[in-house]
Amino acid sequence: MTHRLPRTLRLDPSDTVIFARAAEPGEWAVPGGFAFWDEDPAALTGQRRQEFRAGFLGLGSFGFSTLVEVAEASPAERAVAVAALAAHIRACYGAPDEAAAQAAAEEEIGFAESLCDHPPGTVLALSRSVEAGAVRERFRTLHRRETPRGDFAGLPVFNIVTVEGEDDESPERPDLTRVGKE
């Protein structure tokens, strides 16, 4: 019997900039809201605030990832993920004993599994906020957009358009080399 668990995904290097510790691509992950229990979310700043707002917790590096994908996990892989999380909870969050750490890890992994009721490869994003004094987590699924050709090959990320007849100082074409100097 296989399980479905979130696995960290890195589409670009932005996680290495916005998080103090970025998860490595391909780690099993959990939402990880427990990592902020002893902190005042309103007082968080910088990278820690970004980790709170949008980070899944990777179970290898215990770094954060903006995106995860639904992936198949064998029972043995799930057991390794639970053990890694239990050890982390015991070492970093003061679980009183191994049984308590194991129970907390099982609960968090179970919650992560509940988010994966989607086909493998489905991308998940997290938004965490404080509303009426309580932490609220919202999860979004991101699906491939079908193109007329059925793939992404024909979709440019950026499209450069040349407009003839405009002068170099028009508002639509600012001189970006002068922006920081003015």
C-alpha atoms as a PDB file:
ATOM      1  CA  MET A   1       0.000   0.000   0.000  1.00  0.00           C
ATOM      2  CA  THR A   2       1.407   3.381  -0.950  1.00  0.00           C
ATOM      3  CA  HIS A   3       0.759   6.677   0.719  1.00  0.00           C
ATOM      4  CA  ARG A   4       0.639  10.159  -0.733  1.00  0.00           C
ATOM      5  CA  LEU A   5       2.768  12.761   0.980  1.00  0.00           C
ATOM      6  CA  PRO A   6       3.921  16.272   0.116  1.00  0.00           C
ATOM      7  CA  ARG A   7       7.433  16.469  -1.318  1.00  0.00           C
ATOM      8  CA  THR A   8       9.353  19.742  -1.508  1.00  0.00           C
ATOM      9  CA  LEU A   9       9.624  21.340  -4.908  1.00  0.00           C
ATOM     10  CA  ARG A  10      11.966  24.097  -6.042  1.00  0.00           C
ATOM     11  CA  LEU A  11      11.131  25.732  -9.359  1.00  0.00           C
ATOM     12  CA  ASP A  12      13.686  28.522  -8.969  1.00  0.00           C
ATOM     13  CA  PRO A  13      16.255  29.655  -6.386  1.00  0.00           C
ATOM     14  CA  SER A  14      13.886  32.071  -4.592  1.00  0.00           C
ATOM     15  CA  ASP A  15      13.458  29.814  -1.523  1.00  0.00           C
ATOM     16  CA  THR A  16      17.202  30.104  -0.872  1.00  0.00           C
ATOM     17  CA  VAL A  17      16.757  33.882  -0.599  1.00  0.00           C
ATOM     18  CA  ILE A  18      13.438  34.272   1.210  1.00  0.00           C
ATOM     19  CA  PHE A  19      13.978  31.586   3.869  1.00  0.00           C
ATOM     20  CA  ALA A  20      16.798  31.448   6.416  1.00  0.00           C
ATOM     21  CA  ARG A  21      17.117  27.737   5.619  1.00  0.00           C
ATOM     22  CA  ALA A  22      15.585  26.445   2.407  1.00  0.00           C
ATOM     23  CA  ALA A  23      14.509  22.821   2.169  1.00  0.00           C
ATOM     24  CA  GLU A  24      16.278  20.759  -0.444  1.00  0.00           C
ATOM     25  CA  PRO A  25      14.143  19.681  -3.417  1.00  0.00           C
ATOM     26  CA  GLY A  26      12.601  16.233  -2.987  1.00  0.00           C
ATOM     27  CA  GLU A  27      12.309  16.107   0.814  1.00  0.00           C
ATOM     28  CA  TRP A  28       9.126  14.806   2.402  1.00  0.00           C
ATOM     29  CA  ALA A  29       7.307  17.750   3.962  1.00  0.00           C
ATOM     30  CA  VAL A  30       4.608  18.770   6.417  1.00  0.00           C
ATOM     31  CA  PRO A  31       2.864  22.119   6.829  1.00  0.00           C
ATOM     32  CA  GLY A  32       4.927  22.635  10.010  1.00  0.00           C
ATOM     33  CA  GLY A  33       2.778  25.236  11.743  1.00  0.00           C
ATOM     34  CA  PHE A  34       3.981  23.816  15.070  1.00  0.00           C
ATOM     35  CA  ALA A  35       7.371  25.443  14.375  1.00  0.00           C
ATOM     36  CA  PHE A  36       5.795  28.803  15.295  1.00  0.00           C
ATOM     37  CA  TRP A  37       3.801  27.837  18.434  1.00  0.00           C
ATOM     38  CA  ASP A  38       6.101  29.662  20.830  1.00  0.00           C
ATOM     39  CA  GLU A  39       6.308  32.818  18.707  1.00  0.00           C
ATOM     40  CA  ASP A  40       4.079  35.824  18.295  1.00  0.00           C
ATOM     41  CA  PRO A  41       3.225  35.895  14.576  1.00  0.00           C
ATOM     42  CA  ALA A  42       2.719  39.673  14.710  1.00  0.00           C
ATOM     43  CA  ALA A  43       6.310  40.106  15.921  1.00  0.00           C
ATOM     44  CA  LEU A  44       7.879  38.002  13.160  1.00  0.00           C
ATOM     45  CA  THR A  45       9.996  39.863  10.632  1.00  0.00           C
ATOM     46  CA  GLY A  46      12.078  39.153   7.568  1.00  0.00           C
ATOM     47  CA  GLN A  47      12.791  35.555   6.663  1.00  0.00           C
ATOM     48  CA  ARG A  48      11.073  34.170   9.759  1.00  0.00           C
ATOM     49  CA  ARG A  49       7.891  36.016   8.787  1.00  0.00           C
ATOM     50  CA  GLN A  50       8.090  34.560   5.284  1.00  0.00           C
ATOM     51  CA  GLU A  51       8.592  31.062   6.731  1.00  0.00           C
ATOM     52  CA  PHE A  52       5.454  31.570   8.811  1.00  0.00           C
ATOM     53  CA  ARG A  53       3.412  32.971   5.937  1.00  0.00           C
ATOM     54  CA  ALA A  54       4.222  30.474   3.199  1.00  0.00           C
ATOM     55  CA  GLY A  55       6.603  27.720   4.279  1.00  0.00           C
ATOM     56  CA  PHE A  56       6.206  23.958   4.287  1.00  0.00           C
ATOM     57  CA  LEU A  57       8.738  22.241   6.573  1.00  0.00           C
ATOM     58  CA  GLY A  58      11.066  19.790   4.810  1.00  0.00           C
ATOM     59  CA  LEU A  59      11.837  16.635   6.789  1.00  0.00           C
ATOM     60  CA  GLY A  60      15.445  16.232   5.712  1.00  0.00           C
ATOM     61  CA  SER A  61      16.990  19.647   6.239  1.00  0.00           C
ATOM     62  CA  PHE A  62      14.162  21.067   8.364  1.00  0.00           C
ATOM     63  CA  GLY A  63      14.278  24.057   6.068  1.00  0.00           C
ATOM     64  CA  PHE A  64      11.285  25.606   4.341  1.00  0.00           C
ATOM     65  CA  SER A  65       9.796  25.299   0.869  1.00  0.00           C
ATOM     66  CA  THR A  66       7.209  27.519  -0.789  1.00  0.00           C
ATOM     67  CA  LEU A  67       5.817  24.683  -2.892  1.00  0.00           C
ATOM     68  CA  VAL A  68       5.333  20.962  -2.503  1.00  0.00           C
ATOM     69  CA  GLU A  69       4.007  18.342  -4.862  1.00  0.00           C
ATOM     70  CA  VAL A  70       1.889  15.311  -4.136  1.00  0.00           C
ATOM     71  CA  ALA A  71       4.077  12.200  -4.393  1.00  0.00           C
ATOM     72  CA  GLU A  72       3.722   8.479  -3.809  1.00  0.00           C
ATOM     73  CA  ALA A  73       5.502   7.200  -0.685  1.00  0.00           C
ATOM     74  CA  SER A  74       6.044   3.599   0.292  1.00  0.00           C
ATOM     75  CA  PRO A  75       5.195   2.505   3.840  1.00  0.00           C
ATOM     76  CA  ALA A  76       8.942   2.438   4.566  1.00  0.00           C
ATOM     77  CA  GLU A  77       9.399   6.007   3.266  1.00  0.00           C
ATOM     78  CA  ARG A  78       6.470   7.172   5.369  1.00  0.00           C
ATOM     79  CA  ALA A  79       7.968   5.480   8.442  1.00  0.00           C
ATOM     80  CA  VAL A  80      11.317   7.220   7.829  1.00  0.00           C
ATOM     81  CA  ALA A  81       9.505  10.584   7.523  1.00  0.00           C
ATOM     82  CA  VAL A  82       7.644   9.978  10.803  1.00  0.00           C
ATOM     83  CA  ALA A  83      10.862   8.960  12.580  1.00  0.00           C
ATOM     84  CA  ALA A  84      12.746  12.017  11.292  1.00  0.00           C
ATOM     85  CA  LEU A  85       9.945  14.344  12.376  1.00  0.00           C
ATOM     86  CA  ALA A  86       9.628  12.650  15.796  1.00  0.00           C
ATOM     87  CA  ALA A  87      13.367  13.040  16.407  1.00  0.00           C
ATOM     88  CA  HIS A  88      13.164  16.714  15.382  1.00  0.00           C
ATOM     89  CA  ILE A  89      10.170  17.360  17.638  1.00  0.00           C
ATOM     90  CA  ARG A  90      11.952  15.725  20.564  1.00  0.00           C
ATOM     91  CA  ALA A  91      15.258  17.543  20.002  1.00  0.00           C
ATOM     92  CA  CYS A  92      13.979  20.997  19.065  1.00  0.00           C
ATOM     93  CA  TYR A  93      10.550  21.333  20.649  1.00  0.00           C
ATOM     94  CA  GLY A  94      10.980  19.514  23.945  1.00  0.00           C
ATOM     95  CA  ALA A  95       8.650  16.530  23.603  1.00  0.00           C
ATOM     96  CA  PRO A  96       8.811  14.871  27.023  1.00  0.00           C
ATOM     97  CA  ASP A  97       9.537  11.400  25.648  1.00  0.00           C
ATOM     98  CA  GLU A  98       9.771   9.343  22.479  1.00  0.00           C
ATOM     99  CA  ALA A  99       6.115   8.263  22.638  1.00  0.00           C
ATOM    100  CA  ALA A 100       4.886  11.865  22.762  1.00  0.00           C
ATOM    101  CA  ALA A 101       7.205  12.864  19.907  1.00  0.00           C
ATOM    102  CA  GLN A 102       6.064   9.873  17.852  1.00  0.00           C
ATOM    103  CA  ALA A 103       2.388  10.706  18.449  1.00  0.00           C
ATOM    104  CA  ALA A 104       2.918  14.346  17.433  1.00  0.00           C
ATOM    105  CA  ALA A 105       4.831  13.280  14.313  1.00  0.00           C
ATOM    106  CA  GLU A 106       2.110  10.782  13.334  1.00  0.00           C
ATOM    107  CA  GLU A 107      -0.525  13.500  13.723  1.00  0.00           C
ATOM    108  CA  GLU A 108       1.418  15.983  11.579  1.00  0.00           C
ATOM    109  CA  ILE A 109       2.178  13.373   8.891  1.00  0.00           C
ATOM    110  CA  GLY A 110      -1.497  12.349   8.922  1.00  0.00           C
ATOM    111  CA  PHE A 111      -2.497  15.957   8.356  1.00  0.00           C
ATOM    112  CA  ALA A 112       0.031  16.248   5.513  1.00  0.00           C
ATOM    113  CA  GLU A 113      -1.431  13.081   3.944  1.00  0.00           C
ATOM    114  CA  SER A 114      -4.924  14.573   4.120  1.00  0.00           C
ATOM    115  CA  LEU A 115      -3.724  17.405   1.872  1.00  0.00           C
ATOM    116  CA  CYS A 116      -2.609  14.930  -0.782  1.00  0.00           C
ATOM    117  CA  ASP A 117      -5.982  13.701  -2.012  1.00  0.00           C
ATOM    118  CA  HIS A 118      -4.910  14.738  -5.515  1.00  0.00           C
ATOM    119  CA  PRO A 119      -3.093  13.021  -8.364  1.00  0.00           C
ATOM    120  CA  PRO A 120       0.680  12.710  -7.944  1.00  0.00           C
ATOM    121  CA  GLY A 121       2.427  15.770  -9.329  1.00  0.00           C
ATOM    122  CA  THR A 122      -0.250  18.192  -8.115  1.00  0.00           C
ATOM    123  CA  VAL A 123       1.485  21.252  -6.676  1.00  0.00           C
ATOM    124  CA  LEU A 124       0.353  22.640  -3.316  1.00  0.00           C
ATOM    125  CA  ALA A 125       0.943  26.106  -1.866  1.00  0.00           C
ATOM    126  CA  LEU A 126       0.346  27.305   1.689  1.00  0.00           C
ATOM    127  CA  SER A 127      -0.808  30.626   3.068  1.00  0.00           C
ATOM    128  CA  ARG A 128      -0.681  31.053   6.840  1.00  0.00           C
ATOM    129  CA  SER A 129      -2.114  34.108   8.595  1.00  0.00           C
ATOM    130  CA  VAL A 130      -3.574  35.278  11.880  1.00  0.00           C
ATOM    131  CA  GLU A 131      -7.290  35.990  11.860  1.00  0.00           C
ATOM    132  CA  ALA A 132      -9.259  36.983  14.960  1.00  0.00           C
ATOM    133  CA  GLY A 133      -6.334  35.921  17.129  1.00  0.00           C
ATOM    134  CA  ALA A 134      -6.025  32.415  15.650  1.00  0.00           C
ATOM    135  CA  VAL A 135      -3.572  31.033  13.102  1.00  0.00           C
ATOM    136  CA  ARG A 136      -5.292  30.017   9.887  1.00  0.00           C
ATOM    137  CA  GLU A 137      -3.745  27.857   7.179  1.00  0.00           C
ATOM    138  CA  ARG A 138      -5.075  27.823   3.629  1.00  0.00           C
ATOM    139  CA  PHE A 139      -3.875  25.406   0.987  1.00  0.00           C
ATOM    140  CA  ARG A 140      -4.150  25.874  -2.757  1.00  0.00           C
ATOM    141  CA  THR A 141      -3.675  23.367  -5.510  1.00  0.00           C
ATOM    142  CA  LEU A 142      -1.902  24.483  -8.643  1.00  0.00           C
ATOM    143  CA  HIS A 143      -2.644  22.558 -11.807  1.00  0.00           C
ATOM    144  CA  ARG A 144      -1.045  22.600 -15.226  1.00  0.00           C
ATOM    145  CA  ARG A 145      -2.833  24.867 -17.611  1.00  0.00           C
ATOM    146  CA  GLU A 146      -3.553  23.071 -20.835  1.00  0.00           C
ATOM    147  CA  THR A 147      -2.332  24.770 -23.978  1.00  0.00           C
ATOM    148  CA  PRO A 148      -3.607  24.139 -27.479  1.00  0.00           C
ATOM    149  CA  ARG A 149      -0.586  21.866 -27.968  1.00  0.00           C
ATOM    150  CA  GLY A 150      -1.113  20.191 -24.583  1.00  0.00           C
ATOM    151  CA  ASP A 151       2.209  21.262 -23.061  1.00  0.00           C
ATOM    152  CA  PHE A 152       4.132  24.283 -21.850  1.00  0.00           C
ATOM    153  CA  ALA A 153       6.731  24.347 -24.630  1.00  0.00           C
ATOM    154  CA  GLY A 154       4.997  27.136 -26.515  1.00  0.00           C
ATOM    155  CA  LEU A 155       4.411  29.396 -23.513  1.00  0.00           C
ATOM    156  CA  PRO A 156       7.123  31.984 -22.887  1.00  0.00           C
ATOM    157  CA  VAL A 157       7.498  33.185 -19.332  1.00  0.00           C
ATOM    158  CA  PHE A 158       8.291  36.664 -20.604  1.00  0.00           C
ATOM    159  CA  ASN A 159       7.452  38.018 -23.998  1.00  0.00           C
ATOM    160  CA  ILE A 160       9.472  40.918 -25.390  1.00  0.00           C
ATOM    161  CA  VAL A 161       7.502  43.239 -27.595  1.00  0.00           C
ATOM    162  CA  THR A 162       9.210  45.825 -29.752  1.00  0.00           C
ATOM    163  CA  VAL A 163       7.224  48.964 -30.446  1.00  0.00           C
ATOM    164  CA  GLU A 164       8.549  51.063 -33.296  1.00  0.00           C
ATOM    165  CA  GLY A 165       8.369  54.834 -33.332  1.00  0.00           C
ATOM    166  CA  GLU A 166       8.617  55.571 -29.594  1.00  0.00           C
ATOM    167  CA  ASP A 167      11.370  57.720 -28.158  1.00  0.00           C
ATOM    168  CA  ASP A 168      13.653  56.348 -25.446  1.00  0.00           C
ATOM    169  CA  GLU A 169      12.217  58.580 -22.698  1.00  0.00           C
ATOM    170  CA  SER A 170       8.564  57.562 -23.010  1.00  0.00           C
ATOM    171  CA  PRO A 171       6.873  56.567 -19.708  1.00  0.00           C
ATOM    172  CA  GLU A 172       6.353  53.039 -21.011  1.00  0.00           C
ATOM    173  CA  ARG A 173      10.113  52.541 -21.454  1.00  0.00           C
ATOM    174  CA  PRO A 174      11.914  54.008 -18.441  1.00  0.00           C
ATOM    175  CA  ASP A 175      15.696  54.110 -18.269  1.00  0.00           C
ATOM    176  CA  LEU A 176      16.202  51.553 -15.481  1.00  0.00           C
ATOM    177  CA  THR A 177      19.913  52.406 -15.184  1.00  0.00           C
ATOM    178  CA  ARG A 178      18.954  55.834 -13.791  1.00  0.00           C
ATOM    179  CA  VAL A 179      16.242  54.709 -11.346  1.00  0.00           C
ATOM    180  CA  GLY A 180      18.576  53.986  -8.417  1.00  0.00           C
ATOM    181  CA  LYS A 181      20.665  57.118  -9.028  1.00  0.00           C
ATOM    182  CA  GLU A 182      17.853  59.659  -8.904  1.00  0.00           C
END
